[in-house]
Amino acid sequence: MSSLPYYIAILLIICVTFISFSLMLDLFEMREWMHHTTHFLETTLKDPDTP
């Protein structure tokens, strides 16, 4: 029973690390998505004839 808090602490650390990594990846993907979207809008507005 004495080792139970140790496993709980490890699980909490893993969860916090996973959540922080996922948040960082979401922010990075959002920045990339915004960059691609603005680039696509710029090219579409500049050259309407190109697909």
PDB file of N, CA and C in Angstrom:
ATOM      1  N   MET A   1       0.821  -1.207   0.000  1.00  0.00           N
ATOM      2  CA  MET A   1       0.000   0.000   0.000  1.00  0.00           C
ATOM      3  C   MET A   1       0.853   1.255   0.000  1.00  0.00           C
ATOM      4  N   SER A   2       2.081   1.133   0.488  1.00  0.00           N
ATOM      5  CA  SER A   2       2.920   2.338   0.593  1.00  0.00           C
ATOM      6  C   SER A   2       3.405   2.803  -0.778  1.00  0.00           C
ATOM      7  N   SER A   3       3.380   1.909  -1.762  1.00  0.00           N
ATOM      8  CA  SER A   3       3.865   2.274  -3.093  1.00  0.00           C
ATOM      9  C   SER A   3       2.759   2.871  -3.958  1.00  0.00           C
ATOM     10  N   LEU A   4       1.530   2.924  -3.430  1.00  0.00           N
ATOM     11  CA  LEU A   4       0.410   3.431  -4.226  1.00  0.00           C
ATOM     12  C   LEU A   4       0.573   4.904  -4.585  1.00  0.00           C
ATOM     13  N   PRO A   5       0.893   5.809  -3.659  1.00  0.00           N
ATOM     14  CA  PRO A   5       1.075   7.226  -4.021  1.00  0.00           C
ATOM     15  C   PRO A   5       2.190   7.416  -5.053  1.00  0.00           C
ATOM     16  N   TYR A   6       3.194   6.527  -5.038  1.00  0.00           N
ATOM     17  CA  TYR A   6       4.294   6.619  -6.003  1.00  0.00           C
ATOM     18  C   TYR A   6       3.766   6.409  -7.416  1.00  0.00           C
ATOM     19  N   TYR A   7       2.910   5.378  -7.601  1.00  0.00           N
ATOM     20  CA  TYR A   7       2.325   5.143  -8.926  1.00  0.00           C
ATOM     21  C   TYR A   7       1.386   6.276  -9.323  1.00  0.00           C
ATOM     22  N   ILE A   8       0.651   6.818  -8.360  1.00  0.00           N
ATOM     23  CA  ILE A   8      -0.243   7.937  -8.652  1.00  0.00           C
ATOM     24  C   ILE A   8       0.555   9.155  -9.106  1.00  0.00           C
ATOM     25  N   ALA A   9       1.684   9.407  -8.461  1.00  0.00           N
ATOM     26  CA  ALA A   9       2.529  10.539  -8.845  1.00  0.00           C
ATOM     27  C   ALA A   9       3.074  10.339 -10.255  1.00  0.00           C
ATOM     28  N   ILE A  10       3.493   9.109 -10.567  1.00  0.00           N
ATOM     29  CA  ILE A  10       4.013   8.823 -11.915  1.00  0.00           C
ATOM     30  C   ILE A  10       2.910   9.030 -12.953  1.00  0.00           C
ATOM     31  N   LEU A  11       1.706   8.562 -12.654  1.00  0.00           N
ATOM     32  CA  LEU A  11       0.597   8.734 -13.591  1.00  0.00           C
ATOM     33  C   LEU A  11       0.276  10.211 -13.782  1.00  0.00           C
ATOM     34  N   LEU A  12       0.312  10.983 -12.705  1.00  0.00           N
ATOM     35  CA  LEU A  12       0.035  12.421 -12.820  1.00  0.00           C
ATOM     36  C   LEU A  12       1.097  13.102 -13.669  1.00  0.00           C
ATOM     37  N   ILE A  13       2.361  12.741 -13.457  1.00  0.00           N
ATOM     38  CA  ILE A  13       3.448  13.349 -14.234  1.00  0.00           C
ATOM     39  C   ILE A  13       3.289  12.996 -15.714  1.00  0.00           C
ATOM     40  N   ILE A  14       2.953  11.738 -16.007  1.00  0.00           N
ATOM     41  CA  ILE A  14       2.772  11.326 -17.402  1.00  0.00           C
ATOM     42  C   ILE A  14       1.606  12.081 -18.027  1.00  0.00           C
ATOM     43  N   CYS A  15       0.506  12.215 -17.277  1.00  0.00           N
ATOM     44  CA  CYS A  15      -0.660  12.927 -17.815  1.00  0.00           C
ATOM     45  C   CYS A  15      -0.335  14.386 -18.081  1.00  0.00           C
ATOM     46  N   VAL A  16       0.333  15.043 -17.152  1.00  0.00           N
ATOM     47  CA  VAL A  16       0.675  16.460 -17.325  1.00  0.00           C
ATOM     48  C   VAL A  16       1.617  16.632 -18.515  1.00  0.00           C
ATOM     49  N   THR A  17       2.596  15.734 -18.641  1.00  0.00           N
ATOM     50  CA  THR A  17       3.530  15.827 -19.764  1.00  0.00           C
ATOM     51  C   THR A  17       2.802  15.621 -21.089  1.00  0.00           C
ATOM     52  N   PHE A  18       1.910  14.625 -21.137  1.00  0.00           N
ATOM     53  CA  PHE A  18       1.163  14.345 -22.359  1.00  0.00           C
ATOM     54  C   PHE A  18       0.274  15.521 -22.735  1.00  0.00           C
ATOM     55  N   ILE A  19      -0.402  16.105 -21.735  1.00  0.00           N
ATOM     56  CA  ILE A  19      -1.290  17.240 -22.008  1.00  0.00           C
ATOM     57  C   ILE A  19      -0.485  18.442 -22.496  1.00  0.00           C
ATOM     58  N   SER A  20       0.665  18.700 -21.866  1.00  0.00           N
ATOM     59  CA  SER A  20       1.472  19.847 -22.285  1.00  0.00           C
ATOM     60  C   SER A  20       1.997  19.639 -23.703  1.00  0.00           C
ATOM     61  N   PHE A  21       2.442  18.422 -24.025  1.00  0.00           N
ATOM     62  CA  PHE A  21       2.922  18.148 -25.380  1.00  0.00           C
ATOM     63  C   PHE A  21       1.795  18.297 -26.397  1.00  0.00           C
ATOM     64  N   SER A  22       0.607  17.808 -26.056  1.00  0.00           N
ATOM     65  CA  SER A  22      -0.521  17.911 -26.985  1.00  0.00           C
ATOM     66  C   SER A  22      -0.908  19.370 -27.195  1.00  0.00           C
ATOM     67  N   LEU A  23      -0.862  20.169 -26.126  1.00  0.00           N
ATOM     68  CA  LEU A  23      -1.178  21.587 -26.260  1.00  0.00           C
ATOM     69  C   LEU A  23      -0.147  22.279 -27.137  1.00  0.00           C
ATOM     70  N   MET A  24       1.138  21.956 -26.948  1.00  0.00           N
ATOM     71  CA  MET A  24       2.185  22.553 -27.775  1.00  0.00           C
ATOM     72  C   MET A  24       1.991  22.162 -29.229  1.00  0.00           C
ATOM     73  N   LEU A  25       1.663  20.888 -29.483  1.00  0.00           N
ATOM     74  CA  LEU A  25       1.454  20.443 -30.858  1.00  0.00           C
ATOM     75  C   LEU A  25       0.230  21.122 -31.455  1.00  0.00           C
ATOM     76  N   ASP A  26      -0.834  21.284 -30.663  1.00  0.00           N
ATOM     77  CA  ASP A  26      -2.031  21.952 -31.164  1.00  0.00           C
ATOM     78  C   ASP A  26      -1.722  23.395 -31.536  1.00  0.00           C
ATOM     79  N   LEU A  27      -0.954  24.092 -30.695  1.00  0.00           N
ATOM     80  CA  LEU A  27      -0.607  25.482 -30.995  1.00  0.00           C
ATOM     81  C   LEU A  27       0.255  25.549 -32.253  1.00  0.00           C
ATOM     82  N   PHE A  28       1.216  24.609 -32.390  1.00  0.00           N
ATOM     83  CA  PHE A  28       2.075  24.602 -33.570  1.00  0.00           C
ATOM     84  C   PHE A  28       1.264  24.307 -34.818  1.00  0.00           C
ATOM     85  N   GLU A  29       0.369  23.313 -34.741  1.00  0.00           N
ATOM     86  CA  GLU A  29      -0.459  22.983 -35.906  1.00  0.00           C
ATOM     87  C   GLU A  29      -1.398  24.126 -36.246  1.00  0.00           C
ATOM     88  N   MET A  30      -1.901  24.822 -35.224  1.00  0.00           N
ATOM     89  CA  MET A  30      -2.791  25.943 -35.479  1.00  0.00           C
ATOM     90  C   MET A  30      -2.027  27.062 -36.190  1.00  0.00           C
ATOM     91  N   ARG A  31      -0.786  27.306 -35.759  1.00  0.00           N
ATOM     92  CA  ARG A  31       0.015  28.332 -36.425  1.00  0.00           C
ATOM     93  C   ARG A  31       0.301  27.933 -37.870  1.00  0.00           C
ATOM     94  N   GLU A  32       0.629  26.658 -38.074  1.00  0.00           N
ATOM     95  CA  GLU A  32       0.886  26.181 -39.436  1.00  0.00           C
ATOM     96  C   GLU A  32      -0.386  26.290 -40.279  1.00  0.00           C
ATOM     97  N   TRP A  33      -1.527  25.919 -39.696  1.00  0.00           N
ATOM     98  CA  TRP A  33      -2.804  25.982 -40.422  1.00  0.00           C
ATOM     99  C   TRP A  33      -3.132  27.422 -40.783  1.00  0.00           C
ATOM    100  N   MET A  34      -2.935  28.355 -39.834  1.00  0.00           N
ATOM    101  CA  MET A  34      -3.184  29.767 -40.115  1.00  0.00           C
ATOM    102  C   MET A  34      -2.242  30.264 -41.212  1.00  0.00           C
ATOM    103  N   HIS A  35      -0.989  29.842 -41.173  1.00  0.00           N
ATOM    104  CA  HIS A  35      -0.029  30.264 -42.193  1.00  0.00           C
ATOM    105  C   HIS A  35      -0.452  29.755 -43.563  1.00  0.00           C
ATOM    106  N   HIS A  36      -0.834  28.473 -43.651  1.00  0.00           N
ATOM    107  CA  HIS A  36      -1.267  27.922 -44.936  1.00  0.00           C
ATOM    108  C   HIS A  36      -2.565  28.580 -45.409  1.00  0.00           C
ATOM    109  N   THR A  37      -3.470  28.864 -44.470  1.00  0.00           N
ATOM    110  CA  THR A  37      -4.745  29.478 -44.851  1.00  0.00           C
ATOM    111  C   THR A  37      -4.524  30.889 -45.381  1.00  0.00           C
ATOM    112  N   THR A  38      -3.700  31.669 -44.695  1.00  0.00           N
ATOM    113  CA  THR A  38      -3.436  33.034 -45.168  1.00  0.00           C
ATOM    114  C   THR A  38      -2.706  32.994 -46.510  1.00  0.00           C
ATOM    115  N   HIS A  39      -1.771  32.049 -46.677  1.00  0.00           N
ATOM    116  CA  HIS A  39      -1.063  31.926 -47.953  1.00  0.00           C
ATOM    117  C   HIS A  39      -2.035  31.551 -49.063  1.00  0.00           C
ATOM    118  N   PHE A  40      -2.945  30.623 -48.778  1.00  0.00           N
ATOM    119  CA  PHE A  40      -3.940  30.209 -49.765  1.00  0.00           C
ATOM    120  C   PHE A  40      -4.863  31.369 -50.125  1.00  0.00           C
ATOM    121  N   LEU A  41      -5.298  32.141 -49.114  1.00  0.00           N
ATOM    122  CA  LEU A  41      -6.170  33.280 -49.378  1.00  0.00           C
ATOM    123  C   LEU A  41      -5.432  34.337 -50.205  1.00  0.00           C
ATOM    124  N   GLU A  42      -4.168  34.571 -49.878  1.00  0.00           N
ATOM    125  CA  GLU A  42      -3.410  35.561 -50.637  1.00  0.00           C
ATOM    126  C   GLU A  42      -3.268  35.139 -52.094  1.00  0.00           C
ATOM    127  N   THR A  43      -2.927  33.871 -52.312  1.00  0.00           N
ATOM    128  CA  THR A  43      -2.772  33.405 -53.699  1.00  0.00           C
ATOM    129  C   THR A  43      -4.109  33.409 -54.431  1.00  0.00           C
ATOM    130  N   THR A  44      -5.179  33.081 -53.719  1.00  0.00           N
ATOM    131  CA  THR A  44      -6.503  33.065 -54.357  1.00  0.00           C
ATOM    132  C   THR A  44      -6.947  34.478 -54.711  1.00  0.00           C
ATOM    133  N   LEU A  45      -6.690  35.425 -53.817  1.00  0.00           N
ATOM    134  CA  LEU A  45      -7.104  36.790 -54.093  1.00  0.00           C
ATOM    135  C   LEU A  45      -6.227  37.420 -55.176  1.00  0.00           C
ATOM    136  N   LYS A  46      -4.949  37.054 -55.204  1.00  0.00           N
ATOM    137  CA  LYS A  46      -4.055  37.647 -56.212  1.00  0.00           C
ATOM    138  C   LYS A  46      -4.309  37.032 -57.580  1.00  0.00           C
ATOM    139  N   ASP A  47      -4.456  35.697 -57.630  1.00  0.00           N
ATOM    140  CA  ASP A  47      -4.648  35.008 -58.911  1.00  0.00           C
ATOM    141  C   ASP A  47      -5.940  34.201 -58.866  1.00  0.00           C
ATOM    142  N   PRO A  48      -7.062  34.793 -59.193  1.00  0.00           N
ATOM    143  CA  PRO A  48      -8.345  34.067 -59.128  1.00  0.00           C
ATOM    144  C   PRO A  48      -8.447  32.968 -60.187  1.00  0.00           C
ATOM    145  N   ASP A  49      -7.684  33.086 -61.270  1.00  0.00           N
ATOM    146  CA  ASP A  49      -7.810  32.100 -62.351  1.00  0.00           C
ATOM    147  C   ASP A  49      -7.124  30.796 -61.995  1.00  0.00           C
ATOM    148  N   THR A  50      -6.088  30.848 -61.149  1.00  0.00           N
ATOM    149  CA  THR A  50      -5.364  29.619 -60.811  1.00  0.00           C
ATOM    150  C   THR A  50      -6.188  28.802 -59.839  1.00  0.00           C
ATOM    151  N   PRO A  51      -6.185  27.468 -59.986  1.00  0.00           N
ATOM    152  CA  PRO A  51      -6.963  26.590 -59.097  1.00  0.00           C
ATOM    153  C   PRO A  51      -6.350  26.530 -57.695  1.00  0.00           C
TER     154      PRO A  51
END
